Amino acid sequence: MAAHYENQLQRGTRETYAAMLKGFTAVEKGVGVPTVDIREASEVYTRLRLDHPELFYLTGFHLRMMPGAEKSEAVADYLFDKSKILSHRQAISTRVQRLAREAAKLDETGKIKWLHDFICENVRYDKLKKPYSHEVIGPLTQGVGVCEGIAKSIKLLADELHIPCLVVLSAPQEGQRYGHAWNLIKNGGKWYHMDATFDLSLSRCGEIRYDYCLLGDEHIYRDHNRPVYPVPACTDEGSFYYKDSARVSLTKLEDVAKRTTQAVKKKKPRFVFHWRGGYLTKEIMPEICAAAQQAAEEMGKYVRISLNWPQAVFCLQFCDEKPADDPELEKTEENEE
């Protein structure tokens, strides 16, 4: 069965895709391909890399052509020599199988949460952006990665768990040099977005965040650019993590106060919740903050509030002394940095 991005290719370019996949899997230096168009070959190569994260040792290629020839040769650029590639490939395969066994007995939703949490608990964002951080070898063997390596690692693990999963690639945001990558993942027969890189950037206070776990198109495109290549529509906007699993998607100010009080009573250091009581406007936002602050102060605590505005997720951090800045609201930057 053809992979997602392979399916989008015309018949002729599929032959180039198949030849590249076979040759690069065999770690051949030169692979004969039925094309002499570098733009066409580059398009095939990009889609191949999205479909097959196990080709982590590739860093690029160039075409070698003979005048008048009907075919050309795709000459691979590898990150390591062949013996080292085979050694790393075996190590990663063994690690993926061992990791997947940890989640094998979970149901589908549990497996998806495990994939998300694995990244947030075991990977550090690589601000230096080393070459291996763009591939699965970074997150899975070095514990560091960037969005591309993280998304590819999730797909590799999801493939092992037999969960349909895609790597999504978007064009750069305005003012940025590079695009962004995240995943589409299937749960209960429906596709959802999951951006573990953004949640990793938010999970800095000792608690895993799920602001970007199982979102529909409407929510994810509030702060993500559209994909470069077509992906399945994610039409379900009501099954995101905070609503279905954590049940902290609140619709009333009294619920904010009540749940804040409960969190303080249970001596939790923080409380994260999603606001679902209509659009998060500049008028309602101060009311939400005031309800949380009053409830905390009645329990003898002060609260510092951070807000992921595009996804309407609040994080209340409880403290014994009143923070110096008032009101205590900080807008979080949920990105790769």
C-alpha atoms as a PDB file:
ATOM      1  CA  MET A   1       0.000   0.000   0.000  1.00  0.00           C
ATOM      2  CA  ALA A   2       1.406   3.383  -1.005  1.00  0.00           C
ATOM      3  CA  ALA A   3       2.215   5.907   1.709  1.00  0.00           C
ATOM      4  CA  HIS A   4       0.272   9.170   2.060  1.00  0.00           C
ATOM      5  CA  TYR A   5       2.623  11.522   0.206  1.00  0.00           C
ATOM      6  CA  GLU A   6       3.527   8.879  -2.353  1.00  0.00           C
ATOM      7  CA  ASN A   7      -0.170   8.628  -3.199  1.00  0.00           C
ATOM      8  CA  GLN A   8      -0.154  12.270  -4.278  1.00  0.00           C
ATOM      9  CA  LEU A   9       2.427  11.675  -7.018  1.00  0.00           C
ATOM     10  CA  GLN A  10       1.733  11.019 -10.691  1.00  0.00           C
ATOM     11  CA  ARG A  11       2.583   7.589 -12.098  1.00  0.00           C
ATOM     12  CA  GLY A  12       5.910   8.634 -13.588  1.00  0.00           C
ATOM     13  CA  THR A  13       7.195  10.292 -10.445  1.00  0.00           C
ATOM     14  CA  ARG A  14       6.074   7.319  -8.381  1.00  0.00           C
ATOM     15  CA  GLU A  15       8.684   5.301 -10.231  1.00  0.00           C
ATOM     16  CA  THR A  16      11.308   7.799  -9.088  1.00  0.00           C
ATOM     17  CA  TYR A  17       9.931   7.555  -5.544  1.00  0.00           C
ATOM     18  CA  ALA A  18      10.143   3.739  -5.596  1.00  0.00           C
ATOM     19  CA  ALA A  19      13.687   3.768  -6.983  1.00  0.00           C
ATOM     20  CA  MET A  20      14.859   6.276  -4.359  1.00  0.00           C
ATOM     21  CA  LEU A  21      13.213   4.329  -1.547  1.00  0.00           C
ATOM     22  CA  LYS A  22      14.804   1.049  -2.614  1.00  0.00           C
ATOM     23  CA  GLY A  23      18.245   2.504  -3.253  1.00  0.00           C
ATOM     24  CA  PHE A  24      18.459   4.741  -0.187  1.00  0.00           C
ATOM     25  CA  THR A  25      17.191   1.908   2.046  1.00  0.00           C
ATOM     26  CA  ALA A  26      20.042  -0.201   0.703  1.00  0.00           C
ATOM     27  CA  VAL A  27      22.403   2.749   1.411  1.00  0.00           C
ATOM     28  CA  GLU A  28      23.490   2.928  -2.208  1.00  0.00           C
ATOM     29  CA  LYS A  29      25.485   5.997  -3.143  1.00  0.00           C
ATOM     30  CA  GLY A  30      23.969   6.352  -6.599  1.00  0.00           C
ATOM     31  CA  VAL A  31      20.396   5.362  -7.519  1.00  0.00           C
ATOM     32  CA  GLY A  32      19.108   5.242 -11.090  1.00  0.00           C
ATOM     33  CA  VAL A  33      15.896   7.247 -11.441  1.00  0.00           C
ATOM     34  CA  PRO A  34      13.630   7.810 -14.461  1.00  0.00           C
ATOM     35  CA  THR A  35      13.820  11.624 -14.382  1.00  0.00           C
ATOM     36  CA  VAL A  36      16.198  14.348 -15.467  1.00  0.00           C
ATOM     37  CA  ASP A  37      14.282  17.201 -13.820  1.00  0.00           C
ATOM     38  CA  ILE A  38      15.909  18.288 -10.535  1.00  0.00           C
ATOM     39  CA  ARG A  39      12.782  20.108  -9.354  1.00  0.00           C
ATOM     40  CA  GLU A  40      10.681  17.023  -9.911  1.00  0.00           C
ATOM     41  CA  ALA A  41      13.247  14.819  -8.162  1.00  0.00           C
ATOM     42  CA  SER A  42      13.460  17.226  -5.220  1.00  0.00           C
ATOM     43  CA  GLU A  43       9.681  17.144  -4.832  1.00  0.00           C
ATOM     44  CA  VAL A  44       9.755  13.339  -4.769  1.00  0.00           C
ATOM     45  CA  TYR A  45      12.632  13.330  -2.277  1.00  0.00           C
ATOM     46  CA  THR A  46      10.821  15.665   0.151  1.00  0.00           C
ATOM     47  CA  ARG A  47       7.684  13.530   0.108  1.00  0.00           C
ATOM     48  CA  LEU A  48       9.762  10.363   0.533  1.00  0.00           C
ATOM     49  CA  ARG A  49      11.394  11.778   3.665  1.00  0.00           C
ATOM     50  CA  LEU A  50       8.004  12.682   5.170  1.00  0.00           C
ATOM     51  CA  ASP A  51       6.655   9.171   4.523  1.00  0.00           C
ATOM     52  CA  HIS A  52       9.771   7.324   5.723  1.00  0.00           C
ATOM     53  CA  PRO A  53      11.410   8.719   8.873  1.00  0.00           C
ATOM     54  CA  GLU A  54      13.542   5.565   9.053  1.00  0.00           C
ATOM     55  CA  LEU A  55      15.739   7.154   6.356  1.00  0.00           C
ATOM     56  CA  PHE A  56      17.265   9.330   9.060  1.00  0.00           C
ATOM     57  CA  TYR A  57      20.757   9.094   7.638  1.00  0.00           C
ATOM     58  CA  LEU A  58      19.980  11.074   4.465  1.00  0.00           C
ATOM     59  CA  THR A  59      20.910  14.758   4.352  1.00  0.00           C
ATOM     60  CA  GLY A  60      20.225  15.433   0.673  1.00  0.00           C
ATOM     61  CA  PHE A  61      21.009  14.367  -2.873  1.00  0.00           C
ATOM     62  CA  HIS A  62      21.968  15.707  -6.278  1.00  0.00           C
ATOM     63  CA  LEU A  63      21.269  14.474  -9.784  1.00  0.00           C
ATOM     64  CA  ARG A  64      24.043  13.250 -12.005  1.00  0.00           C
ATOM     65  CA  MET A  65      22.997  13.386 -15.650  1.00  0.00           C
ATOM     66  CA  MET A  66      24.517  12.418 -18.975  1.00  0.00           C
ATOM     67  CA  PRO A  67      23.649  14.514 -22.044  1.00  0.00           C
ATOM     68  CA  GLY A  68      20.806  12.954 -24.007  1.00  0.00           C
ATOM     69  CA  ALA A  69      20.151  10.238 -21.407  1.00  0.00           C
ATOM     70  CA  GLU A  70      16.582   9.213 -20.560  1.00  0.00           C
ATOM     71  CA  LYS A  71      17.511   8.519 -16.949  1.00  0.00           C
ATOM     72  CA  SER A  72      19.713  10.101 -14.343  1.00  0.00           C
ATOM     73  CA  GLU A  73      21.383   9.078 -11.113  1.00  0.00           C
ATOM     74  CA  ALA A  74      20.310  10.374  -7.691  1.00  0.00           C
ATOM     75  CA  VAL A  75      23.524  10.613  -5.693  1.00  0.00           C
ATOM     76  CA  ALA A  76      22.830  10.518  -1.954  1.00  0.00           C
ATOM     77  CA  ASP A  77      24.456  12.607   0.748  1.00  0.00           C
ATOM     78  CA  TYR A  78      24.618  10.499   3.901  1.00  0.00           C
ATOM     79  CA  LEU A  79      25.143  11.645   7.476  1.00  0.00           C
ATOM     80  CA  PHE A  80      27.472   8.685   8.198  1.00  0.00           C
ATOM     81  CA  ASP A  81      29.390   6.002   6.322  1.00  0.00           C
ATOM     82  CA  LYS A  82      27.524   2.780   5.496  1.00  0.00           C
ATOM     83  CA  SER A  83      28.783   0.689   8.420  1.00  0.00           C
ATOM     84  CA  LYS A  84      27.791   3.393  10.887  1.00  0.00           C
ATOM     85  CA  ILE A  85      24.411   3.816   9.216  1.00  0.00           C
ATOM     86  CA  LEU A  86      23.666   0.102   9.589  1.00  0.00           C
ATOM     87  CA  SER A  87      24.765   0.191  13.231  1.00  0.00           C
ATOM     88  CA  HIS A  88      22.587   3.230  14.028  1.00  0.00           C
ATOM     89  CA  ARG A  89      19.656   1.761  12.119  1.00  0.00           C
ATOM     90  CA  GLN A  90      19.763  -1.439  14.145  1.00  0.00           C
ATOM     91  CA  ALA A  91      20.061   0.503  17.410  1.00  0.00           C
ATOM     92  CA  ILE A  92      17.082   2.719  16.559  1.00  0.00           C
ATOM     93  CA  SER A  93      14.981  -0.238  15.415  1.00  0.00           C
ATOM     94  CA  THR A  94      15.695  -2.055  18.694  1.00  0.00           C
ATOM     95  CA  ARG A  95      14.890   1.057  20.741  1.00  0.00           C
ATOM     96  CA  VAL A  96      11.638   1.730  18.879  1.00  0.00           C
ATOM     97  CA  GLN A  97      10.491  -1.859  19.418  1.00  0.00           C
ATOM     98  CA  ARG A  98      11.389  -1.713  23.114  1.00  0.00           C
ATOM     99  CA  LEU A  99       9.656   1.636  23.619  1.00  0.00           C
ATOM    100  CA  ALA A 100       6.536   0.507  21.774  1.00  0.00           C
ATOM    101  CA  ARG A 101       6.209  -2.478  24.110  1.00  0.00           C
ATOM    102  CA  GLU A 102       5.632  -0.002  26.953  1.00  0.00           C
ATOM    103  CA  ALA A 103       2.471   1.224  25.236  1.00  0.00           C
ATOM    104  CA  ALA A 104       1.329  -1.980  23.536  1.00  0.00           C
ATOM    105  CA  LYS A 105      -1.394  -2.777  26.075  1.00  0.00           C
ATOM    106  CA  LEU A 106      -2.913   0.719  26.073  1.00  0.00           C
ATOM    107  CA  ASP A 107      -6.024   1.573  24.075  1.00  0.00           C
ATOM    108  CA  GLU A 108      -5.736   3.843  21.042  1.00  0.00           C
ATOM    109  CA  THR A 109      -6.183   7.107  22.972  1.00  0.00           C
ATOM    110  CA  GLY A 110      -3.752   5.908  25.621  1.00  0.00           C
ATOM    111  CA  LYS A 111      -1.144   5.119  22.984  1.00  0.00           C
ATOM    112  CA  ILE A 112      -1.479   8.590  21.482  1.00  0.00           C
ATOM    113  CA  LYS A 113      -1.067  10.190  24.915  1.00  0.00           C
ATOM    114  CA  TRP A 114       1.991   7.988  25.491  1.00  0.00           C
ATOM    115  CA  LEU A 115       3.530   9.183  22.209  1.00  0.00           C
ATOM    116  CA  HIS A 116       2.937  12.804  23.192  1.00  0.00           C
ATOM    117  CA  ASP A 117       4.233  12.341  26.755  1.00  0.00           C
ATOM    118  CA  PHE A 118       7.328  10.469  25.607  1.00  0.00           C
ATOM    119  CA  ILE A 119       8.480  13.591  23.769  1.00  0.00           C
ATOM    120  CA  CYS A 120       7.618  15.989  26.600  1.00  0.00           C
ATOM    121  CA  GLU A 121       9.352  13.815  29.220  1.00  0.00           C
ATOM    122  CA  ASN A 122      12.436  12.674  27.300  1.00  0.00           C
ATOM    123  CA  VAL A 123      13.351  15.254  24.656  1.00  0.00           C
ATOM    124  CA  ARG A 124      14.946  18.686  24.973  1.00  0.00           C
ATOM    125  CA  TYR A 125      14.609  21.234  22.202  1.00  0.00           C
ATOM    126  CA  ASP A 126      17.951  21.685  20.442  1.00  0.00           C
ATOM    127  CA  LYS A 127      18.419  25.424  19.982  1.00  0.00           C
ATOM    128  CA  LEU A 128      21.701  24.785  18.161  1.00  0.00           C
ATOM    129  CA  LYS A 129      19.763  22.716  15.611  1.00  0.00           C
ATOM    130  CA  LYS A 130      22.408  20.081  14.952  1.00  0.00           C
ATOM    131  CA  PRO A 131      21.893  18.003  11.770  1.00  0.00           C
ATOM    132  CA  TYR A 132      20.802  14.890  13.671  1.00  0.00           C
ATOM    133  CA  SER A 133      18.163  16.889  15.563  1.00  0.00           C
ATOM    134  CA  HIS A 134      16.130  17.078  12.344  1.00  0.00           C
ATOM    135  CA  GLU A 135      15.954  13.287  12.238  1.00  0.00           C
ATOM    136  CA  VAL A 136      14.749  10.517  14.554  1.00  0.00           C
ATOM    137  CA  ILE A 137      18.308   9.855  15.712  1.00  0.00           C
ATOM    138  CA  GLY A 138      18.216  13.119  17.703  1.00  0.00           C
ATOM    139  CA  PRO A 139      15.107  12.561  19.875  1.00  0.00           C
ATOM    140  CA  LEU A 140      15.421   8.766  20.057  1.00  0.00           C
ATOM    141  CA  THR A 141      19.128   8.406  20.837  1.00  0.00           C
ATOM    142  CA  GLN A 142      20.400  11.818  21.965  1.00  0.00           C
ATOM    143  CA  GLY A 143      17.312  13.158  23.727  1.00  0.00           C
ATOM    144  CA  VAL A 144      17.348  16.371  21.680  1.00  0.00           C
ATOM    145  CA  GLY A 145      15.468  17.478  18.597  1.00  0.00           C
ATOM    146  CA  VAL A 146      13.691  20.167  16.630  1.00  0.00           C
ATOM    147  CA  CYS A 147      10.164  20.039  15.267  1.00  0.00           C
ATOM    148  CA  GLU A 148      11.066  17.926  12.238  1.00  0.00           C
ATOM    149  CA  GLY A 149      12.956  15.305  14.232  1.00  0.00           C
ATOM    150  CA  ILE A 150      10.238  15.226  16.882  1.00  0.00           C
ATOM    151  CA  ALA A 151       7.426  14.769  14.340  1.00  0.00           C
ATOM    152  CA  LYS A 152       9.368  12.043  12.523  1.00  0.00           C
ATOM    153  CA  SER A 153      10.067  10.247  15.817  1.00  0.00           C
ATOM    154  CA  ILE A 154       6.373  10.255  16.682  1.00  0.00           C
ATOM    155  CA  LYS A 155       5.542   8.809  13.272  1.00  0.00           C
ATOM    156  CA  LEU A 156       8.177   6.080  13.594  1.00  0.00           C
ATOM    157  CA  LEU A 157       6.821   5.070  17.008  1.00  0.00           C
ATOM    158  CA  ALA A 158       3.205   5.336  15.818  1.00  0.00           C
ATOM    159  CA  ASP A 159       3.994   3.094  12.852  1.00  0.00           C
ATOM    160  CA  GLU A 160       5.360   0.507  15.288  1.00  0.00           C
ATOM    161  CA  LEU A 161       2.130   0.791  17.300  1.00  0.00           C
ATOM    162  CA  HIS A 162       0.008   0.512  14.110  1.00  0.00           C
ATOM    163  CA  ILE A 163      -1.541   3.949  14.615  1.00  0.00           C
ATOM    164  CA  PRO A 164      -2.065   5.921  11.370  1.00  0.00           C
ATOM    165  CA  CYS A 165       0.174   8.972  11.560  1.00  0.00           C
ATOM    166  CA  LEU A 166       1.553  11.613   9.179  1.00  0.00           C
ATOM    167  CA  VAL A 167       4.282  14.213   9.376  1.00  0.00           C
ATOM    168  CA  VAL A 168       2.876  17.626   8.414  1.00  0.00           C
ATOM    169  CA  LEU A 169       5.154  20.271   6.928  1.00  0.00           C
ATOM    170  CA  SER A 170       4.136  23.936   6.746  1.00  0.00           C
ATOM    171  CA  ALA A 171       5.629  26.963   5.057  1.00  0.00           C
ATOM    172  CA  PRO A 172       7.586  29.410   7.269  1.00  0.00           C
ATOM    173  CA  GLN A 173       5.698  31.961   9.347  1.00  0.00           C
ATOM    174  CA  GLU A 174       6.284  35.574   8.360  1.00  0.00           C
ATOM    175  CA  GLY A 175       9.758  36.622   9.456  1.00  0.00           C
ATOM    176  CA  GLN A 176      10.934  33.029   9.973  1.00  0.00           C
ATOM    177  CA  ARG A 177      13.555  31.229   7.921  1.00  0.00           C
ATOM    178  CA  TYR A 178      12.211  27.696   8.315  1.00  0.00           C
ATOM    179  CA  GLY A 179       8.825  26.054   8.242  1.00  0.00           C
ATOM    180  CA  HIS A 180       7.318  23.970  11.009  1.00  0.00           C
ATOM    181  CA  ALA A 181       6.486  20.278  11.331  1.00  0.00           C
ATOM    182  CA  TRP A 182       3.977  18.421  13.464  1.00  0.00           C
ATOM    183  CA  ASN A 183       1.759  15.326  13.172  1.00  0.00           C
ATOM    184  CA  LEU A 184      -1.658  14.249  12.056  1.00  0.00           C
ATOM    185  CA  ILE A 185      -2.766  11.186  13.967  1.00  0.00           C
ATOM    186  CA  LYS A 186      -5.877   9.023  13.749  1.00  0.00           C
ATOM    187  CA  ASN A 187      -7.991   8.365  16.830  1.00  0.00           C
ATOM    188  CA  GLY A 188     -11.356   6.627  16.749  1.00  0.00           C
ATOM    189  CA  GLY A 189     -11.373   6.674  12.957  1.00  0.00           C
ATOM    190  CA  LYS A 190     -10.879  10.473  12.759  1.00  0.00           C
ATOM    191  CA  TRP A 191      -7.815  12.562  12.028  1.00  0.00           C
ATOM    192  CA  TYR A 192      -6.468  15.106  14.534  1.00  0.00           C
ATOM    193  CA  HIS A 193      -3.504  17.446  14.772  1.00  0.00           C
ATOM    194  CA  MET A 194      -0.861  16.886  17.453  1.00  0.00           C
ATOM    195  CA  ASP A 195       2.072  19.254  17.884  1.00  0.00           C
ATOM    196  CA  ALA A 196       4.318  17.794  20.572  1.00  0.00           C
ATOM    197  CA  THR A 197       7.003  20.411  19.883  1.00  0.00           C
ATOM    198  CA  PHE A 198       4.708  23.273  20.885  1.00  0.00           C
ATOM    199  CA  ASP A 199       3.576  21.364  23.984  1.00  0.00           C
ATOM    200  CA  LEU A 200       7.204  20.624  24.839  1.00  0.00           C
ATOM    201  CA  SER A 201       7.903  24.368  24.791  1.00  0.00           C
ATOM    202  CA  LEU A 202       4.996  24.914  27.210  1.00  0.00           C
ATOM    203  CA  SER A 203       5.891  22.052  29.567  1.00  0.00           C
ATOM    204  CA  ARG A 204       8.601  23.959  31.379  1.00  0.00           C
ATOM    205  CA  CYS A 205       7.075  24.147  34.848  1.00  0.00           C
ATOM    206  CA  GLY A 206       7.059  20.479  35.769  1.00  0.00           C
ATOM    207  CA  GLU A 207       3.701  19.633  34.232  1.00  0.00           C
ATOM    208  CA  ILE A 208       3.052  18.255  30.756  1.00  0.00           C
ATOM    209  CA  ARG A 209       0.857  20.513  28.659  1.00  0.00           C
ATOM    210  CA  TYR A 210      -1.698  19.290  26.103  1.00  0.00           C
ATOM    211  CA  ASP A 211      -2.615  22.543  24.390  1.00  0.00           C
ATOM    212  CA  TYR A 212      -1.904  20.979  20.986  1.00  0.00           C
ATOM    213  CA  CYS A 213      -3.051  17.404  21.531  1.00  0.00           C
ATOM    214  CA  LEU A 214      -5.892  16.168  19.305  1.00  0.00           C
ATOM    215  CA  LEU A 215      -6.999  19.454  17.764  1.00  0.00           C
ATOM    216  CA  GLY A 216      -9.199  20.043  14.748  1.00  0.00           C
ATOM    217  CA  ASP A 217      -8.354  22.283  11.809  1.00  0.00           C
ATOM    218  CA  GLU A 218     -10.129  25.324  13.228  1.00  0.00           C
ATOM    219  CA  HIS A 219      -8.017  25.303  16.390  1.00  0.00           C
ATOM    220  CA  ILE A 220      -4.601  24.379  14.981  1.00  0.00           C
ATOM    221  CA  TYR A 221      -4.661  26.995  12.222  1.00  0.00           C
ATOM    222  CA  ARG A 222      -5.127  29.771  14.742  1.00  0.00           C
ATOM    223  CA  ASP A 223      -1.346  29.788  15.141  1.00  0.00           C
ATOM    224  CA  HIS A 224      -0.037  27.339  12.515  1.00  0.00           C
ATOM    225  CA  ASN A 225       0.454  27.943   8.800  1.00  0.00           C
ATOM    226  CA  ARG A 226      -1.320  25.681   6.352  1.00  0.00           C
ATOM    227  CA  PRO A 227       0.546  22.549   5.193  1.00  0.00           C
ATOM    228  CA  VAL A 228       2.718  22.619   2.093  1.00  0.00           C
ATOM    229  CA  TYR A 229       1.139  19.351   0.889  1.00  0.00           C
ATOM    230  CA  PRO A 230      -2.505  18.234   1.177  1.00  0.00           C
ATOM    231  CA  VAL A 231      -3.412  16.312   4.332  1.00  0.00           C
ATOM    232  CA  PRO A 232      -6.730  14.827   5.510  1.00  0.00           C
ATOM    233  CA  ALA A 233      -9.238  17.250   6.984  1.00  0.00           C
ATOM    234  CA  CYS A 234      -9.525  17.265  10.780  1.00  0.00           C
ATOM    235  CA  THR A 235     -13.169  18.165  11.244  1.00  0.00           C
ATOM    236  CA  ASP A 236     -13.774  17.098  14.855  1.00  0.00           C
ATOM    237  CA  GLU A 237     -13.270  20.147  17.088  1.00  0.00           C
ATOM    238  CA  GLY A 238     -14.711  18.614  20.241  1.00  0.00           C
ATOM    239  CA  SER A 239     -12.395  15.740  21.214  1.00  0.00           C
ATOM    240  CA  PHE A 240      -9.245  17.566  22.247  1.00  0.00           C
ATOM    241  CA  TYR A 241      -7.358  16.383  25.323  1.00  0.00           C
ATOM    242  CA  TYR A 242      -8.515  18.983  27.863  1.00  0.00           C
ATOM    243  CA  LYS A 243     -12.157  18.272  27.081  1.00  0.00           C
ATOM    244  CA  ASP A 244     -12.302  14.492  26.742  1.00  0.00           C
ATOM    245  CA  SER A 245      -9.440  13.134  28.858  1.00  0.00           C
ATOM    246  CA  ALA A 246      -8.562  15.770  31.454  1.00  0.00           C
ATOM    247  CA  ARG A 247     -12.084  17.244  31.642  1.00  0.00           C
ATOM    248  CA  VAL A 248     -10.794  20.714  32.381  1.00  0.00           C
ATOM    249  CA  SER A 249     -12.510  22.533  29.522  1.00  0.00           C
ATOM    250  CA  LEU A 250     -14.557  25.099  31.462  1.00  0.00           C
ATOM    251  CA  THR A 251     -17.520  27.151  30.287  1.00  0.00           C
ATOM    252  CA  LYS A 252     -18.532  29.227  33.342  1.00  0.00           C
ATOM    253  CA  LEU A 253     -16.738  31.664  35.640  1.00  0.00           C
ATOM    254  CA  GLU A 254     -18.115  29.814  38.667  1.00  0.00           C
ATOM    255  CA  ASP A 255     -16.478  26.632  37.348  1.00  0.00           C
ATOM    256  CA  VAL A 256     -13.137  28.462  37.141  1.00  0.00           C
ATOM    257  CA  ALA A 257     -13.485  29.519  40.774  1.00  0.00           C
ATOM    258  CA  LYS A 258     -14.625  26.066  41.908  1.00  0.00           C
ATOM    259  CA  ARG A 259     -11.848  24.159  40.163  1.00  0.00           C
ATOM    260  CA  THR A 260      -9.239  26.675  41.360  1.00  0.00           C
ATOM    261  CA  THR A 261     -10.397  26.151  44.944  1.00  0.00           C
ATOM    262  CA  GLN A 262     -10.216  22.381  44.515  1.00  0.00           C
ATOM    263  CA  ALA A 263      -6.693  22.606  43.109  1.00  0.00           C
ATOM    264  CA  VAL A 264      -5.468  24.667  46.070  1.00  0.00           C
ATOM    265  CA  LYS A 265      -7.171  22.315  48.546  1.00  0.00           C
ATOM    266  CA  LYS A 266      -5.347  19.393  46.973  1.00  0.00           C
ATOM    267  CA  LYS A 267      -2.080  21.361  47.330  1.00  0.00           C
ATOM    268  CA  LYS A 268      -1.423  21.308  43.613  1.00  0.00           C
ATOM    269  CA  PRO A 269       1.321  23.762  42.564  1.00  0.00           C
ATOM    270  CA  ARG A 270      -0.587  24.709  39.422  1.00  0.00           C
ATOM    271  CA  PHE A 271      -3.848  24.235  37.578  1.00  0.00           C
ATOM    272  CA  VAL A 272      -4.180  24.220  33.776  1.00  0.00           C
ATOM    273  CA  PHE A 273      -7.560  24.600  32.109  1.00  0.00           C
ATOM    274  CA  HIS A 274      -9.111  25.405  28.747  1.00  0.00           C
ATOM    275  CA  TRP A 275     -11.786  28.085  28.358  1.00  0.00           C
ATOM    276  CA  ARG A 276     -14.739  26.958  26.257  1.00  0.00           C
ATOM    277  CA  GLY A 277     -17.335  29.471  27.357  1.00  0.00           C
ATOM    278  CA  GLY A 278     -17.421  31.414  24.107  1.00  0.00           C
ATOM    279  CA  TYR A 279     -14.717  33.418  22.371  1.00  0.00           C
ATOM    280  CA  LEU A 280     -11.834  34.472  24.590  1.00  0.00           C
ATOM    281  CA  THR A 281     -12.158  38.237  24.222  1.00  0.00           C
ATOM    282  CA  LYS A 282     -10.364  41.111  25.943  1.00  0.00           C
ATOM    283  CA  GLU A 283     -13.576  41.631  27.915  1.00  0.00           C
ATOM    284  CA  ILE A 284     -13.998  38.110  29.300  1.00  0.00           C
ATOM    285  CA  MET A 285     -10.305  37.379  29.884  1.00  0.00           C
ATOM    286  CA  PRO A 286      -9.967  39.742  32.926  1.00  0.00           C
ATOM    287  CA  GLU A 287     -13.116  38.210  34.416  1.00  0.00           C
ATOM    288  CA  ILE A 288     -11.630  34.725  34.145  1.00  0.00           C
ATOM    289  CA  CYS A 289      -8.406  35.916  35.786  1.00  0.00           C
ATOM    290  CA  ALA A 290     -10.319  37.695  38.557  1.00  0.00           C
ATOM    291  CA  ALA A 291     -12.396  34.575  39.316  1.00  0.00           C
ATOM    292  CA  ALA A 292      -9.231  32.473  39.642  1.00  0.00           C
ATOM    293  CA  GLN A 293      -7.386  35.091  41.695  1.00  0.00           C
ATOM    294  CA  GLN A 294     -10.263  35.566  44.143  1.00  0.00           C
ATOM    295  CA  ALA A 295     -10.721  31.828  44.624  1.00  0.00           C
ATOM    296  CA  ALA A 296      -7.003  31.331  45.282  1.00  0.00           C
ATOM    297  CA  GLU A 297      -6.769  34.257  47.724  1.00  0.00           C
ATOM    298  CA  GLU A 298      -9.752  32.948  49.695  1.00  0.00           C
ATOM    299  CA  MET A 299      -7.683  29.788  50.182  1.00  0.00           C
ATOM    300  CA  GLY A 300      -4.627  31.775  51.305  1.00  0.00           C
ATOM    301  CA  LYS A 301      -2.756  31.613  48.029  1.00  0.00           C
ATOM    302  CA  TYR A 302      -1.784  34.028  45.300  1.00  0.00           C
ATOM    303  CA  VAL A 303      -1.703  33.077  41.661  1.00  0.00           C
ATOM    304  CA  ARG A 304       0.438  33.890  38.654  1.00  0.00           C
ATOM    305  CA  ILE A 305      -1.494  33.377  35.434  1.00  0.00           C
ATOM    306  CA  SER A 306      -0.075  32.585  32.010  1.00  0.00           C
ATOM    307  CA  LEU A 307      -2.221  32.340  28.908  1.00  0.00           C
ATOM    308  CA  ASN A 308      -1.903  30.579  25.582  1.00  0.00           C
ATOM    309  CA  TRP A 309      -4.289  32.949  23.859  1.00  0.00           C
ATOM    310  CA  PRO A 310      -4.755  31.198  20.468  1.00  0.00           C
ATOM    311  CA  GLN A 311      -5.790  27.963  22.184  1.00  0.00           C
ATOM    312  CA  ALA A 312      -7.501  29.636  25.185  1.00  0.00           C
ATOM    313  CA  VAL A 313      -5.511  27.654  27.747  1.00  0.00           C
ATOM    314  CA  PHE A 314      -4.778  29.179  31.170  1.00  0.00           C
ATOM    315  CA  CYS A 315      -2.061  28.036  33.575  1.00  0.00           C
ATOM    316  CA  LEU A 316      -2.488  29.081  37.212  1.00  0.00           C
ATOM    317  CA  GLN A 317       0.659  28.802  39.311  1.00  0.00           C
ATOM    318  CA  PHE A 318       0.011  29.093  43.036  1.00  0.00           C
ATOM    319  CA  CYS A 319       2.383  30.884  45.412  1.00  0.00           C
ATOM    320  CA  ASP A 320       2.473  32.106  49.013  1.00  0.00           C
ATOM    321  CA  GLU A 321       3.532  35.657  48.237  1.00  0.00           C
ATOM    322  CA  LYS A 322       1.841  38.103  45.927  1.00  0.00           C
ATOM    323  CA  PRO A 323       3.763  38.446  42.642  1.00  0.00           C
ATOM    324  CA  ALA A 324       5.325  41.851  42.035  1.00  0.00           C
ATOM    325  CA  ASP A 325       3.528  42.417  38.746  1.00  0.00           C
ATOM    326  CA  ASP A 326      -0.192  43.068  38.915  1.00  0.00           C
ATOM    327  CA  PRO A 327      -2.333  41.892  37.235  1.00  0.00           C
ATOM    328  CA  GLU A 328      -0.518  38.543  37.081  1.00  0.00           C
ATOM    329  CA  LEU A 329      -1.037  37.644  33.455  1.00  0.00           C
ATOM    330  CA  GLU A 330       1.667  36.465  31.107  1.00  0.00           C
ATOM    331  CA  LYS A 331       1.095  35.476  27.491  1.00  0.00           C
ATOM    332  CA  THR A 332       3.015  32.318  26.707  1.00  0.00           C
ATOM    333  CA  GLU A 333       4.904  31.868  23.461  1.00  0.00           C
ATOM    334  CA  GLU A 334       4.124  28.352  22.329  1.00  0.00           C
ATOM    335  CA  ASN A 335       6.791  27.780  19.718  1.00  0.00           C
ATOM    336  CA  GLU A 336      10.007  25.925  19.069  1.00  0.00           C
ATOM    337  CA  GLU A 337      12.244  28.255  21.028  1.00  0.00           C
END
